[in-house]
Structure formats: structure tokens, C-alpha cells
Protein backbone atom coordinates (compact mmCIF):
# COMPACT_ATOMS: atom_id res chain seq x y z
CA MET A 1 -83.39 -16.37 141.27
CA TYR A 2 -81.84 -13.41 139.46
CA LYS A 3 -79.22 -13.07 142.19
CA LYS A 4 -78.42 -16.78 141.77
CA LEU A 5 -78.04 -16.20 138.03
CA GLU A 6 -75.73 -13.26 138.65
CA ASN A 7 -73.60 -15.35 141.02
CA ALA A 8 -73.48 -18.19 138.50
CA LEU A 9 -72.44 -15.81 135.72
CA ARG A 10 -69.77 -14.32 137.98
CA TYR A 11 -68.35 -17.80 138.56
CA VAL A 12 -68.35 -18.64 134.84
CA ARG A 13 -66.59 -15.36 134.06
CA SER A 14 -63.93 -16.22 136.66
CA ILE A 15 -63.14 -19.30 134.55
CA THR A 16 -63.57 -18.06 130.99
CA ASP A 17 -64.34 -14.86 129.05
CA PHE A 18 -65.79 -16.91 126.15
CA ILE A 19 -68.82 -15.12 124.66
CA PRO A 20 -71.12 -17.60 122.87
CA ARG A 21 -73.36 -16.70 119.97
CA VAL A 22 -75.30 -19.98 120.01
CA ALA A 23 -76.44 -22.14 122.95
CA LEU A 24 -76.92 -25.86 122.27
CA VAL A 25 -78.63 -28.38 124.58
CA LEU A 26 -77.74 -32.05 124.02
CA GLY A 27 -80.31 -34.67 124.99
CA SER A 28 -79.96 -38.31 126.11
CA GLY A 29 -77.37 -40.23 124.09
CA LEU A 30 -76.41 -37.19 122.01
CA GLY A 31 -73.59 -35.84 124.18
CA SER A 32 -70.77 -36.82 121.81
CA PHE A 33 -71.20 -33.57 119.85
CA ALA A 34 -69.58 -31.73 122.76
CA GLU A 35 -66.26 -33.46 122.15
CA GLY A 36 -63.60 -32.16 119.75
CA ASP A 37 -60.23 -30.47 119.33
CA ASP A 38 -61.84 -27.03 119.26
CA VAL A 39 -63.10 -27.19 122.87
CA VAL A 40 -61.98 -24.06 124.72
CA CYS A 41 -63.22 -24.80 128.23
CA LYS A 42 -65.50 -27.09 130.29
CA ILE A 43 -67.34 -26.20 133.50
CA ASP A 44 -69.20 -28.81 135.56
CA TYR A 45 -72.64 -27.73 136.79
CA ALA A 46 -71.67 -29.00 140.25
CA ASP A 47 -68.91 -26.37 140.47
CA ILE A 48 -71.29 -23.44 139.88
CA PRO A 49 -72.77 -21.92 143.08
CA ASP A 50 -76.47 -22.72 143.73
CA PHE A 51 -76.77 -24.47 140.36
CA PRO A 52 -78.86 -27.58 139.58
CA THR A 53 -76.97 -30.75 138.65
CA SER A 54 -78.12 -33.64 136.47
CA SER A 55 -78.61 -37.06 138.06
CA VAL A 56 -79.64 -38.89 134.89
CA GLU A 57 -77.37 -41.53 133.36
CA GLY A 58 -76.14 -40.35 129.96
CA HIS A 59 -76.14 -36.66 130.96
CA ALA A 60 -72.58 -35.53 131.72
CA GLY A 61 -73.72 -32.39 133.50
CA ARG A 62 -71.43 -29.64 132.26
CA PHE A 63 -71.09 -26.64 130.00
CA VAL A 64 -68.70 -27.07 127.09
CA PHE A 65 -67.40 -23.98 125.30
CA ARG A 66 -66.24 -24.62 121.75
CA TYR A 67 -66.28 -23.27 118.21
CA VAL A 68 -68.54 -24.92 115.67
CA GLY A 69 -66.97 -23.71 112.46
CA ASP A 70 -66.39 -20.07 113.30
CA VAL A 71 -69.42 -19.83 115.61
CA PRO A 72 -68.68 -19.54 119.35
CA THR A 73 -71.03 -22.02 121.02
CA VAL A 74 -71.86 -22.98 124.60
CA ILE A 75 -73.12 -26.55 124.88
CA MET A 76 -75.11 -28.14 127.67
CA GLN A 77 -73.77 -31.69 127.75
CA GLY A 78 -76.75 -33.01 129.64
CA ARG A 79 -79.71 -31.12 131.09
CA VAL A 80 -81.69 -31.15 134.33
CA HIS A 81 -85.31 -32.30 134.41
CA TYR A 82 -88.47 -31.49 136.33
CA TYR A 83 -88.82 -35.16 137.33
CA GLU A 84 -85.51 -35.00 139.21
CA GLY A 85 -87.29 -32.92 141.85
CA TYR A 86 -86.24 -29.46 140.72
CA SER A 87 -88.71 -26.62 140.37
CA MET A 88 -89.38 -25.57 136.80
CA GLN A 89 -87.56 -22.30 137.54
CA GLU A 90 -84.47 -24.34 138.48
CA VAL A 91 -84.85 -26.52 135.38
CA VAL A 92 -84.54 -23.50 133.07
CA MET A 93 -81.78 -21.81 135.06
CA PRO A 94 -79.07 -23.12 132.67
CA ILE A 95 -80.95 -21.67 129.68
CA ARG A 96 -81.19 -18.30 131.38
CA LEU A 97 -77.51 -18.40 132.30
CA MET A 98 -76.46 -19.10 128.71
CA ARG A 99 -78.48 -16.08 127.59
CA LEU A 100 -76.69 -13.95 130.18
CA MET A 101 -73.39 -15.32 128.86
CA GLY A 102 -74.29 -13.74 125.52
CA ALA A 103 -76.02 -16.47 123.49
CA GLU A 104 -78.69 -15.10 121.16
CA LYS A 105 -79.90 -18.37 119.60
CA LEU A 106 -80.89 -21.62 121.33
CA PHE A 107 -80.70 -25.01 119.60
CA LEU A 108 -82.58 -27.68 121.61
CA THR A 109 -82.24 -31.43 121.08
CA ASN A 110 -83.77 -34.44 122.79
CA ALA A 111 -84.47 -38.14 122.52
CA ALA A 112 -88.23 -38.52 122.07
CA GLY A 113 -90.90 -41.14 121.64
CA GLY A 114 -92.57 -41.26 118.26
CA ILE A 115 -96.33 -40.75 118.18
CA ASN A 116 -96.83 -40.09 114.47
CA PRO A 117 -97.32 -43.51 112.84
CA LYS A 118 -95.26 -42.36 109.84
CA PHE A 119 -92.16 -42.14 112.06
CA SER A 120 -89.74 -44.96 112.75
CA GLU A 121 -87.01 -45.44 115.34
CA GLY A 122 -83.91 -43.43 114.47
CA ALA A 123 -85.75 -40.69 112.57
CA LEU A 124 -84.93 -37.03 113.15
CA MET A 125 -87.81 -34.56 113.62
CA MET A 126 -87.43 -30.81 113.47
CA ILE A 127 -89.71 -29.21 116.07
CA GLU A 128 -92.24 -26.83 114.52
CA ASP A 129 -94.29 -26.21 117.67
CA HIS A 130 -94.89 -27.71 121.09
CA ILE A 131 -97.57 -28.51 123.66
CA SER A 132 -96.53 -27.69 127.23
CA SER A 133 -99.87 -27.71 129.05
CA LEU A 134 -99.05 -30.91 130.99
CA VAL A 135 -96.18 -29.33 132.97
CA PRO A 136 -95.92 -26.07 134.95
CA SER A 137 -94.76 -23.00 133.06
CA PRO A 138 -91.23 -21.88 134.01
CA LEU A 139 -92.63 -18.33 134.09
CA VAL A 140 -95.00 -18.95 137.02
CA GLY A 141 -94.29 -16.71 140.01
CA LYS A 142 -92.93 -13.20 140.25
CA ASN A 143 -91.67 -12.08 136.85
CA ILE A 144 -87.93 -11.46 136.55
CA ASP A 145 -88.18 -8.11 134.78
CA GLU A 146 -84.45 -8.12 134.00
CA LEU A 147 -85.05 -11.13 131.73
CA GLY A 148 -88.33 -10.39 129.98
CA VAL A 149 -91.91 -9.19 130.06
CA ARG A 150 -94.68 -10.60 132.29
CA PHE A 151 -96.78 -11.97 129.41
CA PRO A 152 -94.47 -13.07 126.56
CA ASP A 153 -95.90 -14.00 123.18
CA MET A 154 -95.57 -17.69 122.21
CA SER A 155 -97.26 -17.58 118.80
CA CYS A 156 -93.99 -18.55 117.06
CA VAL A 157 -91.65 -20.22 119.56
CA TYR A 158 -89.52 -21.99 116.94
CA ASP A 159 -87.93 -19.45 114.63
CA LYS A 160 -88.97 -19.82 110.97
CA ASP A 161 -85.61 -18.73 109.56
CA LEU A 162 -83.69 -21.14 111.79
CA ARG A 163 -86.06 -23.96 110.81
CA LYS A 164 -85.40 -23.16 107.14
CA LEU A 165 -81.64 -23.19 107.79
CA ILE A 166 -81.87 -26.63 109.47
CA SER A 167 -84.05 -28.00 106.68
CA GLU A 168 -81.63 -26.78 104.00
CA SER A 169 -78.69 -28.23 105.94
CA ALA A 170 -80.39 -31.63 106.16
CA GLU A 171 -81.17 -31.57 102.43
CA SER A 172 -77.59 -30.69 101.50
CA LEU A 173 -76.31 -33.61 103.64
CA GLY A 174 -78.88 -36.06 102.32
CA ILE A 175 -80.26 -36.64 105.82
CA PRO A 176 -84.04 -37.29 106.01
CA LEU A 177 -85.71 -34.79 108.34
CA ALA A 178 -89.34 -34.92 109.40
CA CYS A 179 -91.23 -32.01 110.97
CA GLY A 180 -93.74 -32.07 113.77
CA VAL A 181 -95.17 -31.00 117.10
CA TYR A 182 -93.47 -32.03 120.36
CA ILE A 183 -95.33 -32.52 123.64
CA GLN A 184 -93.63 -32.38 127.04
CA THR A 185 -94.77 -34.57 129.93
CA SER A 186 -93.43 -34.54 133.48
CA GLY A 187 -91.92 -38.05 133.62
CA PRO A 188 -90.07 -39.98 134.90
CA ASN A 189 -92.53 -42.74 133.97
CA TYR A 190 -93.19 -43.35 130.31
CA GLU A 191 -96.69 -42.70 129.06
CA THR A 192 -99.56 -45.16 128.86
CA PRO A 193 -101.03 -46.18 125.48
CA ALA A 194 -104.22 -44.27 126.36
CA GLU A 195 -102.22 -41.13 127.04
CA ILE A 196 -100.34 -41.46 123.75
CA MET A 197 -103.65 -41.90 121.93
CA THR A 198 -104.87 -38.67 123.55
CA TYR A 199 -101.72 -36.75 122.63
CA GLU A 200 -102.04 -37.94 119.04
CA LYS A 201 -105.57 -36.54 118.91
CA TRP A 202 -104.19 -33.24 120.25
CA GLY A 203 -101.82 -33.07 117.28
CA ALA A 204 -98.55 -34.21 118.89
CA ASP A 205 -96.03 -36.11 116.76
CA ALA A 206 -93.40 -36.84 119.44
CA VAL A 207 -93.27 -36.93 123.24
CA GLY A 208 -90.54 -36.33 125.80
CA MET A 209 -89.75 -35.03 129.28
CA SER A 210 -87.90 -31.79 128.51
CA THR A 211 -87.39 -29.06 125.91
CA ALA A 212 -90.71 -27.15 125.79
CA CYS A 213 -90.11 -25.46 129.14
CA GLU A 214 -86.60 -24.48 128.00
CA ALA A 215 -87.96 -23.02 124.76
CA MET A 216 -90.50 -20.95 126.71
CA ALA A 217 -87.83 -19.55 129.04
CA ALA A 218 -85.64 -18.71 126.05
CA ARG A 219 -88.44 -16.89 124.23
CA HIS A 220 -89.19 -14.97 127.44
CA MET A 221 -85.62 -13.63 127.15
CA GLY A 222 -85.89 -12.85 123.44
CA MET A 223 -83.76 -15.73 122.19
CA ARG A 224 -84.37 -17.26 118.78
CA VAL A 225 -85.16 -20.96 119.24
CA CYS A 226 -84.98 -24.11 117.13
CA GLY A 227 -84.95 -27.80 117.95
CA ILE A 228 -84.57 -31.39 116.76
CA SER A 229 -85.94 -34.57 118.32
CA CYS A 230 -84.25 -37.91 117.77
CA ILE A 231 -87.07 -40.46 117.61
CA SER A 232 -85.31 -43.03 119.76
CA ASN A 233 -88.35 -45.28 120.20
CA MET A 234 -91.99 -45.49 119.25
CA ALA A 235 -94.24 -44.44 122.14
CA ALA A 236 -96.40 -46.77 124.23
CA GLY A 237 -99.07 -48.45 122.14
CA LYS A 238 -97.08 -47.81 118.95
CA ASN A 239 -94.60 -50.57 119.76
CA THR A 240 -95.08 -53.88 121.55
CA ALA A 241 -91.63 -53.84 123.20
CA PRO A 242 -91.26 -52.43 126.75
CA LEU A 243 -89.60 -49.02 126.94
CA THR A 244 -86.21 -48.71 128.65
CA HIS A 245 -83.79 -45.80 129.07
CA GLU A 246 -80.92 -48.05 127.94
CA ASP A 247 -82.60 -48.78 124.59
CA ILE A 248 -83.33 -45.08 124.08
CA LYS A 249 -79.68 -44.14 124.66
CA ALA A 250 -78.55 -46.93 122.34
CA MET A 251 -80.76 -45.69 119.49
CA ALA A 252 -79.61 -42.09 120.01
CA ASN A 253 -76.01 -43.29 119.85
CA LYS A 254 -76.80 -45.23 116.67
CA VAL A 255 -77.98 -42.12 114.81
CA GLY A 256 -75.30 -39.97 116.44
CA ALA A 257 -73.21 -39.61 113.28
CA ASP A 258 -76.03 -38.10 111.19
CA PHE A 259 -77.13 -36.00 114.16
CA CYS A 260 -73.64 -34.55 114.65
CA ARG A 261 -73.25 -33.81 110.93
CA LEU A 262 -76.61 -32.02 110.78
CA VAL A 263 -76.22 -30.03 114.00
CA GLY A 264 -72.63 -29.13 113.14
CA LEU A 265 -73.54 -27.77 109.72
CA ALA A 266 -76.62 -25.91 110.96
CA VAL A 267 -74.84 -24.27 113.89
CA SER A 268 -71.89 -23.27 111.69
CA LYS A 269 -74.36 -21.27 109.58
CA MET A 270 -75.90 -19.47 112.56
């Protein structure tokens, strides 16, 4: 895997010498943030040797290099998922590559189902912690010593100072921002009402099929991590309507303006 990462980095460097400070992952329906006049370069995942590619509608599948304010940022416009058939080590390969590119901070975003009854569709939730026990750890297997230690600490995955920065940014923009715990499931099926009831008892406020594994891989490499979930729908049992990917993308698009304003301001301060 480390040789694959080195080969991928070599390819990226053959295209651009852009050194990012922040890495940003855009979830379903949130990809519009990657567009703008300040884009320096784009690289499709499919062009990178031995690199996983996204097959999910709404995930463009490319790295976008741009400045957010004065902050050099590499953006994942679409991610790869465990449910697509990739190993968890392959799923986090893009995160590891962005760290090798130079990124020191990771900003994760996703479209998630709301579990907390106080949430409503379209709300934004800053991730304070996560539950990842339902999916394999990306660190299983032989440790890649070049990236991090065998047993990394996960007592504070989501950086307190970055969370404060995001909270202050939301307040200054007048954008309501909830806080909560995110739980990752494997997908691709949505959860049953009984499962959602269980996750609520565990302390989860939102559920999705990504993000936690990426945060773990980033912390393994010493990156500072933060994240926001767009509550694109209420989870099974919290809403009588059937869940569809199309509706989730539509809701994420609907709140896209506030999302872009908040992420743009927060990243520009990083």
C-alpha cells in the first residue's frame, strides 16, 4: 500500500507542484464547493495509477486544487466507499495521499440521516465524535510505519480548536449549527428503524456510510480533523417517507449555499 501511495504521489507531482495546507472531502450533493475561478488544477482519480474510483452518482471522482482565501486546499470532489467493494485500506487511500501531498488539516463533510429528534432536514451538524464499531478499522493489517504508530490514540479525533473555529464562523454568518455524534455504517442499504433506535441509545445523533474511517486514518497520520454533516433526511423510523439517494442529493443541494459560505469562511481561517 505504501508503494501504491508513493506511485500515486509521483503521478500527482508530475501534474502539479501545488502544496495544500488543508484537505477537504465533499459528500453527496455538496460538490459545488470545488468550483470557482481560483481552481489551479484538477486530477481525476481514474488517471492515478492503482487508485480507487468512485461509482456513486453525485460524486465527481477527482481532486481539485484551489485556494480558499489565501489557504491552499486540496478537495476531494466525491469519495469512495466501503460498500462499493473496496477494502477499507483502499477507501482511505485518498486521505493518506492528501497527507503525503502536504495537507496538515482534514475537513470532512457528508450527507447524513438525522437520528436526534431535535434535528430537521437541512440542518448542519458539526461532528464532535464518532462511532465506528460497525465497520472495519482502516488500520487493520500490517501497520504502515511511515504513516503512523501501531496503536494511535483516538480520545480526541475531532480537533477542539478547529471545532471552535467552525462554530465561530457559523455564528458570524448567522448559520444555525448543531453539534453531535456521527455513526458510520457499511451501507449501501439504509438502516432499519430498529437499528436507528439502537444507535440512538448508543448516543449517535446522525448516521452515514463514510467519514469515520477517514478521520481515523487521518489521525493515524497526525492530521488535525474536523467535520460537518448535512442532515439531508431523517433516518428510518424518524420519518414516514421512504429514503432515496435522489432526495438526499436534492436536500444537500438545497442547503448548498449556506454550506459553501460556512466551509469557505472556516477553511480561509485555517
